[in-house]
Amino acid sequence: MTNPKTPKTAIVIIPPEDCQEPIQRIRRAHDRSVRRWMPHITLVFPFRPVEDFDGIEPKLREACEEFQPFDLELKEFRFFRHARNRCTIWLAPEPEQLLIRFQSSLWRMVPECDDVRNHQGGFRPHLSVAQSPNISSCVQLIRKFSSGWKPIRFRVSDIALIRRGDPPNDVFAADRKIPLS
């Protein structure tokens, strides 16, 4: 293992393409990361370098075998508050506790990749859709997004190991997918 972790890779859940347009409509207008990241729920980030994928894949497959495919629903907008009252607005995937257990199982295979677990309150599953410069704007955007929102439900049947290069090739793409059992 050359480097223990890198911000150029991650383990994520990617909603199926037929569910993405309502999410992307919001992200195109309000998410500064829309170009670099596909819609996703982060499970492990930063992750191990691409060169380590072949070696770590059997352990991740073992963790995924503990879980049957399951349904997620994205129906409620929430936010994280950052420094200077900036905010990130996100969709809360349910069932949250199942995602927390799933993430823990994957993390145990790569314990050095614990960044998403080190936030106040621990790992919080989310799908980011927007950033806001202040709380007032954040609350207004959540009201706007919620007013016409129809919950999105989809089946999670795999995880994706994603990667990106250096600019200008810094857009994340799936390197491989690992199925749930």
N, C-alpha and C. Protein backbone atom coordinates (compact mmCIF):
# COMPACT_ATOMS: atom_id res chain seq x y z
N MET A 1 0.85 -1.17 0.00
CA MET A 1 0.00 0.00 0.00
C MET A 1 0.89 1.23 0.00
N THR A 2 0.78 2.05 -1.04
CA THR A 2 1.63 3.24 -1.15
C THR A 2 1.13 4.38 -0.27
N ASN A 3 -0.08 4.81 -0.45
CA ASN A 3 -0.68 5.85 0.38
C ASN A 3 -1.92 5.28 1.05
N PRO A 4 -2.14 5.59 2.31
CA PRO A 4 -3.29 4.99 2.97
C PRO A 4 -4.63 5.45 2.42
N LYS A 5 -4.74 6.70 1.95
CA LYS A 5 -6.01 7.16 1.39
C LYS A 5 -5.77 8.38 0.51
N THR A 6 -6.76 8.61 -0.38
CA THR A 6 -6.65 9.71 -1.33
C THR A 6 -8.03 10.31 -1.60
N PRO A 7 -8.12 11.63 -1.82
CA PRO A 7 -9.41 12.24 -2.18
C PRO A 7 -9.80 12.00 -3.65
N LYS A 8 -9.04 11.19 -4.34
CA LYS A 8 -9.35 10.89 -5.75
C LYS A 8 -10.16 9.61 -5.90
N THR A 9 -10.52 8.97 -4.78
CA THR A 9 -11.33 7.75 -4.83
C THR A 9 -12.34 7.77 -3.68
N ALA A 10 -13.40 6.97 -3.84
CA ALA A 10 -14.43 6.88 -2.81
C ALA A 10 -15.24 5.60 -3.04
N ILE A 11 -15.98 5.21 -2.00
CA ILE A 11 -17.00 4.17 -2.11
C ILE A 11 -18.34 4.88 -1.93
N VAL A 12 -19.24 4.69 -2.89
CA VAL A 12 -20.51 5.41 -2.87
C VAL A 12 -21.66 4.51 -3.31
N ILE A 13 -22.85 4.98 -3.02
CA ILE A 13 -24.08 4.43 -3.60
C ILE A 13 -24.53 5.45 -4.64
N ILE A 14 -24.74 5.00 -5.86
CA ILE A 14 -25.20 5.87 -6.94
C ILE A 14 -26.65 5.51 -7.27
N PRO A 15 -27.57 6.46 -7.14
CA PRO A 15 -28.95 6.16 -7.53
C PRO A 15 -29.00 5.78 -9.01
N PRO A 16 -29.92 4.90 -9.40
CA PRO A 16 -30.05 4.53 -10.82
C PRO A 16 -30.32 5.76 -11.68
N GLU A 17 -29.87 5.72 -12.91
CA GLU A 17 -30.01 6.87 -13.81
C GLU A 17 -31.45 7.32 -13.96
N ASP A 18 -32.41 6.38 -13.95
CA ASP A 18 -33.81 6.78 -14.13
C ASP A 18 -34.38 7.53 -12.93
N CYS A 19 -33.62 7.64 -11.84
CA CYS A 19 -34.03 8.40 -10.65
C CYS A 19 -33.30 9.73 -10.52
N GLN A 20 -32.33 9.98 -11.36
CA GLN A 20 -31.41 11.09 -11.13
C GLN A 20 -31.90 12.47 -11.57
N GLU A 21 -32.78 12.57 -12.53
CA GLU A 21 -33.12 13.89 -13.08
C GLU A 21 -33.67 14.87 -12.04
N PRO A 22 -34.60 14.50 -11.16
CA PRO A 22 -35.06 15.49 -10.17
C PRO A 22 -33.92 15.98 -9.26
N ILE A 23 -32.99 15.10 -8.94
CA ILE A 23 -31.84 15.47 -8.12
C ILE A 23 -30.92 16.39 -8.91
N GLN A 24 -30.63 16.01 -10.14
CA GLN A 24 -29.72 16.79 -10.98
C GLN A 24 -30.29 18.17 -11.32
N ARG A 25 -31.60 18.27 -11.44
CA ARG A 25 -32.22 19.57 -11.73
C ARG A 25 -31.85 20.57 -10.63
N ILE A 26 -31.92 20.12 -9.39
CA ILE A 26 -31.54 20.98 -8.26
C ILE A 26 -30.03 21.22 -8.27
N ARG A 27 -29.27 20.16 -8.45
CA ARG A 27 -27.81 20.26 -8.38
C ARG A 27 -27.26 21.18 -9.48
N ARG A 28 -27.80 21.09 -10.69
CA ARG A 28 -27.29 21.95 -11.78
C ARG A 28 -27.40 23.43 -11.42
N ALA A 29 -28.42 23.80 -10.68
CA ALA A 29 -28.63 25.21 -10.33
C ALA A 29 -27.94 25.61 -9.02
N HIS A 30 -27.67 24.64 -8.12
CA HIS A 30 -27.26 25.03 -6.76
C HIS A 30 -26.05 24.28 -6.18
N ASP A 31 -25.48 23.33 -6.90
CA ASP A 31 -24.38 22.53 -6.35
C ASP A 31 -23.10 22.79 -7.12
N ARG A 32 -22.13 23.40 -6.45
CA ARG A 32 -20.86 23.72 -7.13
C ARG A 32 -20.08 22.46 -7.51
N SER A 33 -20.45 21.29 -6.97
CA SER A 33 -19.75 20.04 -7.27
C SER A 33 -20.44 19.20 -8.33
N VAL A 34 -21.45 19.73 -8.98
CA VAL A 34 -22.22 18.94 -9.94
C VAL A 34 -21.36 18.42 -11.09
N ARG A 35 -20.35 19.18 -11.50
CA ARG A 35 -19.49 18.73 -12.60
C ARG A 35 -18.60 17.56 -12.18
N ARG A 36 -18.08 17.61 -10.98
CA ARG A 36 -17.10 16.62 -10.54
C ARG A 36 -17.74 15.32 -10.03
N TRP A 37 -18.86 15.42 -9.33
CA TRP A 37 -19.47 14.25 -8.68
C TRP A 37 -20.82 13.93 -9.31
N MET A 38 -21.09 12.65 -9.51
CA MET A 38 -22.43 12.21 -9.88
C MET A 38 -23.29 12.26 -8.60
N PRO A 39 -24.63 12.19 -8.72
CA PRO A 39 -25.43 12.10 -7.50
C PRO A 39 -25.01 10.84 -6.74
N HIS A 40 -24.80 10.96 -5.44
CA HIS A 40 -24.26 9.80 -4.71
C HIS A 40 -24.48 9.97 -3.21
N ILE A 41 -24.40 8.85 -2.52
CA ILE A 41 -24.35 8.81 -1.06
C ILE A 41 -22.97 8.27 -0.72
N THR A 42 -22.16 9.09 -0.08
CA THR A 42 -20.80 8.69 0.27
C THR A 42 -20.82 7.68 1.41
N LEU A 43 -20.07 6.60 1.24
CA LEU A 43 -19.89 5.62 2.30
C LEU A 43 -18.48 5.68 2.86
N VAL A 44 -17.48 5.82 1.99
CA VAL A 44 -16.08 5.94 2.41
C VAL A 44 -15.41 6.97 1.51
N PHE A 45 -14.86 8.03 2.13
CA PHE A 45 -14.13 9.07 1.41
C PHE A 45 -13.31 9.86 2.41
N PRO A 46 -12.05 10.13 2.10
CA PRO A 46 -11.28 9.58 1.00
C PRO A 46 -11.06 8.08 1.16
N PHE A 47 -10.71 7.45 0.06
CA PHE A 47 -10.56 6.00 0.01
C PHE A 47 -9.13 5.67 -0.41
N ARG A 48 -8.88 4.42 -0.63
CA ARG A 48 -7.55 3.95 -1.00
C ARG A 48 -7.24 4.27 -2.46
N PRO A 49 -5.95 4.37 -2.81
CA PRO A 49 -5.59 4.65 -4.21
C PRO A 49 -6.08 3.55 -5.16
N VAL A 50 -6.31 3.93 -6.39
CA VAL A 50 -6.80 3.00 -7.41
C VAL A 50 -5.93 1.75 -7.48
N GLU A 51 -4.63 1.91 -7.29
CA GLU A 51 -3.71 0.77 -7.35
C GLU A 51 -4.04 -0.30 -6.30
N ASP A 52 -4.76 0.08 -5.25
CA ASP A 52 -5.13 -0.86 -4.18
C ASP A 52 -6.48 -1.53 -4.41
N PHE A 53 -7.24 -1.12 -5.44
CA PHE A 53 -8.59 -1.63 -5.64
C PHE A 53 -8.63 -3.15 -5.77
N ASP A 54 -7.76 -3.72 -6.58
CA ASP A 54 -7.78 -5.18 -6.76
C ASP A 54 -7.54 -5.90 -5.44
N GLY A 55 -6.64 -5.41 -4.64
CA GLY A 55 -6.33 -6.07 -3.37
C GLY A 55 -7.41 -5.93 -2.32
N ILE A 56 -8.11 -4.79 -2.29
CA ILE A 56 -9.14 -4.56 -1.27
C ILE A 56 -10.52 -5.07 -1.70
N GLU A 57 -10.72 -5.29 -3.00
CA GLU A 57 -12.04 -5.72 -3.48
C GLU A 57 -12.56 -6.99 -2.80
N PRO A 58 -11.75 -8.04 -2.58
CA PRO A 58 -12.29 -9.23 -1.90
C PRO A 58 -12.84 -8.93 -0.50
N LYS A 59 -12.18 -8.05 0.23
CA LYS A 59 -12.68 -7.68 1.57
C LYS A 59 -14.00 -6.92 1.47
N LEU A 60 -14.10 -6.04 0.50
CA LEU A 60 -15.34 -5.29 0.31
C LEU A 60 -16.47 -6.21 -0.14
N ARG A 61 -16.15 -7.18 -0.98
CA ARG A 61 -17.17 -8.16 -1.39
C ARG A 61 -17.69 -8.93 -0.17
N GLU A 62 -16.76 -9.29 0.71
CA GLU A 62 -17.14 -9.99 1.94
C GLU A 62 -18.09 -9.13 2.78
N ALA A 63 -17.80 -7.85 2.92
CA ALA A 63 -18.68 -6.96 3.67
C ALA A 63 -20.05 -6.84 2.99
N CYS A 64 -20.07 -6.76 1.66
CA CYS A 64 -21.33 -6.64 0.92
C CYS A 64 -22.17 -7.91 1.00
N GLU A 65 -21.53 -9.05 1.19
CA GLU A 65 -22.28 -10.31 1.31
C GLU A 65 -23.13 -10.37 2.56
N GLU A 66 -22.84 -9.52 3.53
CA GLU A 66 -23.64 -9.47 4.77
C GLU A 66 -24.98 -8.78 4.55
N PHE A 67 -25.17 -8.13 3.39
CA PHE A 67 -26.37 -7.31 3.16
C PHE A 67 -27.09 -7.76 1.90
N GLN A 68 -28.39 -7.90 2.02
CA GLN A 68 -29.27 -8.13 0.87
C GLN A 68 -29.53 -6.78 0.21
N PRO A 69 -29.84 -6.76 -1.09
CA PRO A 69 -30.27 -5.49 -1.69
C PRO A 69 -31.43 -4.91 -0.89
N PHE A 70 -31.47 -3.57 -0.82
CA PHE A 70 -32.49 -2.91 -0.01
C PHE A 70 -32.97 -1.65 -0.71
N ASP A 71 -34.14 -1.18 -0.30
CA ASP A 71 -34.73 0.03 -0.87
C ASP A 71 -34.33 1.24 -0.04
N LEU A 72 -34.06 2.34 -0.73
CA LEU A 72 -33.82 3.63 -0.09
C LEU A 72 -34.87 4.61 -0.58
N GLU A 73 -35.18 5.56 0.26
CA GLU A 73 -36.10 6.62 -0.13
C GLU A 73 -35.47 7.97 0.21
N LEU A 74 -35.57 8.88 -0.74
CA LEU A 74 -35.08 10.26 -0.58
C LEU A 74 -36.30 11.16 -0.56
N LYS A 75 -36.72 11.59 0.63
CA LYS A 75 -37.94 12.38 0.68
C LYS A 75 -37.83 13.68 1.46
N GLU A 76 -36.79 13.85 2.28
CA GLU A 76 -36.69 15.04 3.12
C GLU A 76 -35.36 15.75 2.92
N PHE A 77 -35.44 17.08 2.80
CA PHE A 77 -34.24 17.92 2.70
C PHE A 77 -33.81 18.35 4.09
N ARG A 78 -32.51 18.32 4.33
CA ARG A 78 -31.93 18.78 5.59
C ARG A 78 -30.67 19.57 5.25
N PHE A 79 -29.98 20.06 6.29
CA PHE A 79 -28.76 20.80 6.00
C PHE A 79 -27.71 20.61 7.10
N PHE A 80 -26.46 20.78 6.69
CA PHE A 80 -25.33 20.87 7.60
C PHE A 80 -24.92 22.34 7.66
N ARG A 81 -24.61 22.83 8.84
CA ARG A 81 -24.10 24.19 8.99
C ARG A 81 -22.58 24.12 9.07
N HIS A 82 -21.92 25.01 8.34
CA HIS A 82 -20.46 25.07 8.31
C HIS A 82 -19.99 26.40 8.91
N ALA A 83 -18.71 26.66 8.83
CA ALA A 83 -18.14 27.91 9.33
C ALA A 83 -18.82 29.10 8.66
N ARG A 84 -18.91 30.20 9.37
CA ARG A 84 -19.52 31.45 8.88
C ARG A 84 -20.96 31.24 8.41
N ASN A 85 -21.65 30.26 9.00
CA ASN A 85 -23.07 29.96 8.72
C ASN A 85 -23.35 29.51 7.29
N ARG A 86 -22.32 29.12 6.57
CA ARG A 86 -22.56 28.51 5.25
C ARG A 86 -23.23 27.16 5.49
N CYS A 87 -23.95 26.68 4.45
CA CYS A 87 -24.70 25.43 4.61
C CYS A 87 -24.55 24.53 3.39
N THR A 88 -24.67 23.24 3.63
CA THR A 88 -24.84 22.24 2.58
C THR A 88 -26.23 21.65 2.76
N ILE A 89 -27.01 21.67 1.70
CA ILE A 89 -28.37 21.10 1.73
C ILE A 89 -28.30 19.71 1.13
N TRP A 90 -29.01 18.77 1.76
CA TRP A 90 -28.93 17.38 1.32
C TRP A 90 -30.26 16.67 1.50
N LEU A 91 -30.39 15.58 0.75
CA LEU A 91 -31.52 14.67 0.89
C LEU A 91 -31.14 13.59 1.89
N ALA A 92 -32.06 13.29 2.80
CA ALA A 92 -31.81 12.30 3.84
C ALA A 92 -32.30 10.93 3.36
N PRO A 93 -31.37 9.99 3.11
CA PRO A 93 -31.80 8.66 2.69
C PRO A 93 -32.32 7.85 3.87
N GLU A 94 -33.43 7.18 3.65
CA GLU A 94 -34.03 6.32 4.67
C GLU A 94 -34.13 4.91 4.13
N PRO A 95 -33.87 3.89 4.93
CA PRO A 95 -33.68 3.91 6.38
C PRO A 95 -32.23 4.24 6.77
N GLU A 96 -32.10 5.27 7.57
CA GLU A 96 -30.79 5.77 7.97
C GLU A 96 -29.97 4.73 8.74
N GLN A 97 -30.59 4.02 9.67
CA GLN A 97 -29.84 3.08 10.51
C GLN A 97 -29.25 1.93 9.70
N LEU A 98 -29.96 1.47 8.68
CA LEU A 98 -29.43 0.42 7.81
C LEU A 98 -28.18 0.93 7.09
N LEU A 99 -28.22 2.16 6.59
CA LEU A 99 -27.06 2.74 5.91
C LEU A 99 -25.88 2.90 6.87
N ILE A 100 -26.15 3.26 8.10
CA ILE A 100 -25.09 3.40 9.10
C ILE A 100 -24.44 2.04 9.36
N ARG A 101 -25.24 1.00 9.50
CA ARG A 101 -24.68 -0.36 9.69
C ARG A 101 -23.89 -0.81 8.46
N PHE A 102 -24.42 -0.52 7.29
CA PHE A 102 -23.75 -0.89 6.04
C PHE A 102 -22.40 -0.18 5.94
N GLN A 103 -22.38 1.12 6.21
CA GLN A 103 -21.14 1.88 6.16
C GLN A 103 -20.12 1.33 7.17
N SER A 104 -20.58 0.98 8.35
CA SER A 104 -19.68 0.43 9.38
C SER A 104 -19.04 -0.87 8.91
N SER A 105 -19.81 -1.69 8.24
CA SER A 105 -19.29 -2.96 7.74
C SER A 105 -18.19 -2.72 6.70
N LEU A 106 -18.40 -1.76 5.81
CA LEU A 106 -17.39 -1.43 4.80
C LEU A 106 -16.16 -0.80 5.46
N TRP A 107 -16.39 0.13 6.37
CA TRP A 107 -15.30 0.83 7.04
C TRP A 107 -14.37 -0.13 7.78
N ARG A 108 -14.93 -1.17 8.38
CA ARG A 108 -14.09 -2.14 9.11
C ARG A 108 -13.07 -2.80 8.19
N MET A 109 -13.33 -2.82 6.89
CA MET A 109 -12.39 -3.39 5.93
C MET A 109 -11.25 -2.43 5.60
N VAL A 110 -11.46 -1.14 5.83
CA VAL A 110 -10.46 -0.10 5.56
C VAL A 110 -10.48 0.92 6.71
N PRO A 111 -10.11 0.51 7.91
CA PRO A 111 -10.27 1.37 9.09
C PRO A 111 -9.50 2.68 9.03
N GLU A 112 -8.47 2.76 8.22
CA GLU A 112 -7.73 4.01 8.09
C GLU A 112 -8.53 5.06 7.31
N CYS A 113 -9.57 4.64 6.61
CA CYS A 113 -10.41 5.54 5.80
C CYS A 113 -11.65 5.93 6.62
N ASP A 114 -11.42 6.67 7.68
CA ASP A 114 -12.48 6.94 8.65
C ASP A 114 -12.99 8.38 8.65
N ASP A 115 -12.64 9.17 7.65
CA ASP A 115 -12.99 10.59 7.65
C ASP A 115 -14.49 10.84 7.80
N VAL A 116 -15.35 10.10 7.10
CA VAL A 116 -16.79 10.35 7.17
C VAL A 116 -17.37 9.95 8.53
N ARG A 117 -16.62 9.22 9.31
CA ARG A 117 -17.07 8.83 10.65
C ARG A 117 -16.63 9.83 11.72
N ASN A 118 -15.73 10.74 11.36
CA ASN A 118 -15.14 11.64 12.34
C ASN A 118 -15.86 12.97 12.49
N HIS A 119 -17.01 13.11 11.86
CA HIS A 119 -17.80 14.34 12.01
C HIS A 119 -18.54 14.28 13.35
N GLN A 120 -18.91 15.45 13.84
CA GLN A 120 -19.70 15.49 15.06
C GLN A 120 -20.98 14.66 14.84
N GLY A 121 -21.23 13.73 15.72
CA GLY A 121 -22.38 12.86 15.57
C GLY A 121 -22.09 11.61 14.74
N GLY A 122 -20.87 11.48 14.22
CA GLY A 122 -20.51 10.28 13.46
C GLY A 122 -20.97 10.35 12.01
N PHE A 123 -21.02 9.18 11.38
CA PHE A 123 -21.42 9.08 9.97
C PHE A 123 -22.88 9.47 9.82
N ARG A 124 -23.17 10.36 8.88
CA ARG A 124 -24.53 10.78 8.58
C ARG A 124 -24.77 10.58 7.10
N PRO A 125 -25.53 9.54 6.72
CA PRO A 125 -25.80 9.32 5.30
C PRO A 125 -26.53 10.51 4.70
N HIS A 126 -26.10 10.94 3.52
CA HIS A 126 -26.74 12.08 2.87
C HIS A 126 -26.39 12.10 1.39
N LEU A 127 -27.24 12.78 0.63
CA LEU A 127 -26.99 13.02 -0.78
C LEU A 127 -27.03 14.54 -0.96
N SER A 128 -25.87 15.16 -1.12
CA SER A 128 -25.77 16.61 -1.22
C SER A 128 -26.39 17.11 -2.52
N VAL A 129 -27.14 18.23 -2.41
CA VAL A 129 -27.78 18.81 -3.59
C VAL A 129 -27.49 20.29 -3.78
N ALA A 130 -27.03 20.98 -2.72
CA ALA A 130 -26.84 22.43 -2.86
C ALA A 130 -25.95 22.97 -1.74
N GLN A 131 -25.39 24.16 -2.00
CA GLN A 131 -24.70 24.90 -0.97
C GLN A 131 -25.39 26.26 -0.86
N SER A 132 -25.30 26.83 0.33
CA SER A 132 -25.93 28.12 0.58
C SER A 132 -24.97 28.99 1.39
N PRO A 133 -24.94 30.30 1.11
CA PRO A 133 -23.99 31.17 1.81
C PRO A 133 -24.39 31.51 3.24
N ASN A 134 -25.67 31.27 3.61
CA ASN A 134 -26.12 31.61 4.97
C ASN A 134 -27.38 30.83 5.33
N ILE A 135 -27.73 30.87 6.61
CA ILE A 135 -28.88 30.10 7.11
C ILE A 135 -30.19 30.57 6.48
N SER A 136 -30.38 31.86 6.35
CA SER A 136 -31.62 32.37 5.78
C SER A 136 -31.84 31.84 4.36
N SER A 137 -30.82 31.91 3.54
CA SER A 137 -30.90 31.39 2.18
C SER A 137 -31.12 29.89 2.19
N CYS A 138 -30.47 29.20 3.10
CA CYS A 138 -30.61 27.75 3.22
C CYS A 138 -32.07 27.37 3.50
N VAL A 139 -32.68 28.04 4.46
CA VAL A 139 -34.07 27.75 4.81
C VAL A 139 -34.99 28.02 3.62
N GLN A 140 -34.74 29.12 2.91
CA GLN A 140 -35.56 29.44 1.73
C GLN A 140 -35.41 28.38 0.65
N LEU A 141 -34.18 27.92 0.41
CA LEU A 141 -33.97 26.89 -0.60
C LEU A 141 -34.64 25.58 -0.21
N ILE A 142 -34.56 25.20 1.05
CA ILE A 142 -35.20 23.96 1.48
C ILE A 142 -36.71 24.05 1.28
N ARG A 143 -37.31 25.19 1.60
CA ARG A 143 -38.75 25.37 1.35
C ARG A 143 -39.06 25.24 -0.14
N LYS A 144 -38.24 25.87 -0.96
CA LYS A 144 -38.44 25.82 -2.42
C LYS A 144 -38.32 24.39 -2.93
N PHE A 145 -37.25 23.69 -2.54
CA PHE A 145 -37.04 22.32 -3.00
C PHE A 145 -38.16 21.39 -2.53
N SER A 146 -38.60 21.58 -1.30
CA SER A 146 -39.60 20.68 -0.70
C SER A 146 -40.98 20.87 -1.30
N SER A 147 -41.29 22.08 -1.78
CA SER A 147 -42.66 22.37 -2.21
C SER A 147 -43.15 21.47 -3.34
N GLY A 148 -42.31 21.12 -4.27
CA GLY A 148 -42.76 20.26 -5.36
C GLY A 148 -42.09 18.89 -5.37
N TRP A 149 -41.41 18.56 -4.29
CA TRP A 149 -40.61 17.33 -4.27
C TRP A 149 -41.50 16.09 -4.18
N LYS A 150 -41.22 15.14 -5.05
CA LYS A 150 -41.85 13.82 -4.96
C LYS A 150 -40.77 12.85 -4.51
N PRO A 151 -41.00 12.15 -3.39
CA PRO A 151 -39.96 11.23 -2.89
C PRO A 151 -39.49 10.26 -3.97
N ILE A 152 -38.20 9.98 -3.93
CA ILE A 152 -37.58 9.05 -4.87
C ILE A 152 -37.23 7.79 -4.11
N ARG A 153 -37.68 6.67 -4.64
CA ARG A 153 -37.41 5.37 -4.03
C ARG A 153 -36.64 4.53 -5.05
N PHE A 154 -35.57 3.89 -4.58
CA PHE A 154 -34.80 3.03 -5.49
C PHE A 154 -34.17 1.88 -4.71
N ARG A 155 -33.81 0.87 -5.47
CA ARG A 155 -33.19 -0.34 -4.92
C ARG A 155 -31.68 -0.18 -4.93
N VAL A 156 -31.04 -0.46 -3.81
CA VAL A 156 -29.58 -0.48 -3.73
C VAL A 156 -29.16 -1.93 -3.88
N SER A 157 -28.48 -2.23 -4.97
CA SER A 157 -28.05 -3.61 -5.21
C SER A 157 -26.54 -3.72 -5.32
N ASP A 158 -25.85 -2.56 -5.25
CA ASP A 158 -24.39 -2.59 -5.32
C ASP A 158 -23.81 -1.30 -4.75
N ILE A 159 -22.50 -1.32 -4.56
CA ILE A 159 -21.74 -0.12 -4.24
C ILE A 159 -20.82 0.15 -5.42
N ALA A 160 -20.40 1.39 -5.56
CA ALA A 160 -19.47 1.74 -6.64
C ALA A 160 -18.16 2.24 -6.03
N LEU A 161 -17.06 1.76 -6.56
CA LEU A 161 -15.74 2.31 -6.27
C LEU A 161 -15.49 3.31 -7.37
N ILE A 162 -15.40 4.59 -7.00
CA ILE A 162 -15.25 5.63 -8.00
C ILE A 162 -13.86 6.25 -7.93
N ARG A 163 -13.48 6.88 -9.03
CA ARG A 163 -12.15 7.48 -9.12
C ARG A 163 -12.19 8.70 -10.02
N ARG A 164 -11.20 9.57 -9.81
CA ARG A 164 -11.03 10.73 -10.68
C ARG A 164 -9.55 10.96 -10.90
N GLY A 165 -9.22 11.68 -11.96
CA GLY A 165 -7.83 12.04 -12.23
C GLY A 165 -7.56 13.47 -11.80
N ASP A 166 -6.48 14.01 -12.31
CA ASP A 166 -6.13 15.40 -12.08
C ASP A 166 -6.83 16.27 -13.12
N PRO A 167 -7.03 17.57 -12.82
CA PRO A 167 -7.64 18.45 -13.82
C PRO A 167 -6.86 18.39 -15.13
N PRO A 168 -7.50 18.39 -16.24
CA PRO A 168 -8.94 18.58 -16.44
C PRO A 168 -9.74 17.28 -16.37
N ASN A 169 -9.11 16.16 -16.06
CA ASN A 169 -9.79 14.86 -15.98
C ASN A 169 -10.20 14.54 -14.54
N ASP A 170 -10.80 15.52 -13.87
CA ASP A 170 -11.09 15.36 -12.44
C ASP A 170 -12.56 15.06 -12.15
N VAL A 171 -13.25 14.47 -13.10
CA VAL A 171 -14.65 14.08 -12.91
C VAL A 171 -14.69 12.63 -12.45
N PHE A 172 -15.39 12.38 -11.34
CA PHE A 172 -15.50 11.02 -10.82
C PHE A 172 -16.28 10.13 -11.77
N ALA A 173 -15.84 8.88 -11.88
CA ALA A 173 -16.54 7.86 -12.67
C ALA A 173 -16.40 6.54 -11.93
N ALA A 174 -17.36 5.66 -12.14
CA ALA A 174 -17.29 4.34 -11.50
C ALA A 174 -16.16 3.54 -12.12
N ASP A 175 -15.30 3.02 -11.27
CA ASP A 175 -14.23 2.12 -11.71
C ASP A 175 -14.76 0.70 -11.75
N ARG A 176 -15.54 0.36 -10.72
CA ARG A 176 -16.15 -0.97 -10.63
C ARG A 176 -17.31 -0.93 -9.64
N LYS A 177 -18.17 -1.93 -9.75
CA LYS A 177 -19.29 -2.07 -8.83
C LYS A 177 -19.18 -3.42 -8.13
N ILE A 178 -19.58 -3.43 -6.88
CA ILE A 178 -19.57 -4.66 -6.09
C ILE A 178 -21.00 -4.92 -5.65
N PRO A 179 -21.56 -6.08 -6.01
CA PRO A 179 -22.96 -6.36 -5.67
C PRO A 179 -23.16 -6.72 -4.21
N LEU A 180 -24.37 -6.40 -3.71
CA LEU A 180 -24.80 -6.91 -2.43
C LEU A 180 -25.26 -8.35 -2.69
N SER A 181 -25.30 -9.16 -1.65
CA SER A 181 -25.62 -10.58 -1.91
C SER A 181 -27.08 -10.82 -2.22
